[in-house]
Amino acid sequence: MVGNFQQDLRGGLRMLKKSPGFTFVAVLSLALGIGANTAIFTIINAVFLHPLPVGEPSRLAEMFTRDTQTIDANTNFQLTGTSLPNYEDYRDQNTAFSGLASVTFPIPLNWGGQAEPQQLNASLVSGNFFDVLGVKPYRGRTFVADGDKKLGGNPEVVLSYSLWARRFGSDDRLIGRTITLNGTPYTVLGVAPPNFKGIVSLGRPDVLWIPISMRDYVLTGQLKNLENHRRFRWLSIVGRLKPQVGVAEARAAMKTIAAGLEKEYPRDNKGRTVELFPLNESALGINQRRQFSLAGGVLMGVVGLVLLIACVNLANLLLAQAAKREKELSIRAAMGAGRSRLVRQLLTESTVLSLLGGLAGLLVAFGGRKILWSFRPPFLLDGSIDLSFDARVLGFTVAISLLTGLVFGIIPAIKASRNGHQRDFESRRPWRSAGLDPQSSARPAGDCGNCAGAGRARRIGPVSSQHAERAAIQSGLRVAEPVSNVF
């Protein structure tokens, strides 16, 4: 079996080398189709299929506020964050989570001590933020879980890996030193692991985190005036579920607490409840996930159509190529090659062709993903997602290449093998019309001195029908003619 496969593989490569024009057109057509699919799948893989780099992501859930009294026609604001006072009540009263952490959206801060004014983006987080997410530092350490109790008492920062590498040159000596943000010195405690950007998949890569106890030194203007207002929903809440507690059970428990807060603070919390979703679902943006999924499906559908067109072109090219090889296939059939053997040979050739197309498609996708990313929405910054070719992307490319070669190569292979056997059958028909079988036809051929192979037939005695056909084909003669001369 292995020997036959190696023989088919060598034969396939030899045939592709003999027809460079056909090979070039087929590989180019497949490269465009497979490359477009790989480029789109690279983005979909980065956006939808990459879990956040956190510990046990299946045990994490994000909590949102739903205001049933305030009707907003904008679907992007149906589920929102939570106020600081409400977060503190949820944190202290909950029984479903081992920990509830809070985090704000990135806030621009002035980075002092530079030759030119620069800004860094910082998120305020609760002290247990990294512990709840199960994120270990890449360098140094993170915040103390209960170190955010004293207002203004923790002038500390943790840098993202991307910020540390791009702005600070991956300098290990930065740990323990201070940087000035909005005029306040902060001690750099550590660096987060690579690819960690918080609880948002499409978040900024260059970010730093500051304890929420330092909010009076970070917030300005209206944000500072409303920070402690129970109606001001500016915090995202994420929690780690206790063992044996599911999302549905935690949702019911937190809704009970929300109902109690509505009764206790009717002016601020009237009509407000909570919703919980697994973090892997909400990380893309709970209000926008449907739009992202729809856009991804449409893009895959479009490039799938492109691949289908490329595959149809491949099938037509294979049919045309098989028509040119009809004589070769009929000779192989006459020499004893069964129909399944011919189909396997032709399928091997189409599969080799599609794999070459897939290899060229990776080159197309490498450039195509950069072109596609240049058309991204303005809120997505460079480096927001990882567009590298990981094992999942490479496996996808190999899979569609093999599928293309097998599915769209099978019909031309079956048709070509049928034509080859049909032509072989027709070449034997004169023998049958003479009322002879191949065994008896071989014996008079041995008595004909002018017939090629006669001496050989006389020496070895009776010749099998297969050997007689093979000798006739190799010598370029039709067996029916010498048979008619004898009689």
Foldseek 3Di string as FASTA:
>chain_A
DVVLLVVLLVVLVVVCVVCVVLLVVLLVLLLQLLLLLLLLVLVCCFQQVDFAPFPPLQQKKWKWKAFQVDDDPDLLVRTFFFAPVVQVLCQVPADFFPGKKKKFAWAWWWWPPDPDIDIATEMAMAQCQRVQRRFAFPAAGGGHRHPLPAQPPAQAKEWEPVQCCPVVVVDNVQQQPWIAILNDTHHYGGYTDPPHDGLALLGDRGYMYDHCSDVVSRDDDPCNVCRNPRQDGGMIMMGGGDPPRHQVNSQVRQQVSLVVVCVVCVVRSPRMGMHMDRSSCPNNPVSCSVVVVVVSVVSSVVSNVSSVVSLVVSLVSLLVVLVVCLVVLLLVVLLPQDLVSQLVSQLSSLLVSLVSSLVSSNVSSVVVSVVVVVPDDPVRDPPSTDSDCDPVSVVVSNVVSNVSSNPSRNVSSNVSSVSSNVVNVVLCVLCVVVVHDLQVLVVVLLVDPVHPCNVVCVVVDGDDSSVVSNVCVVVVHRSNVSSVVVD
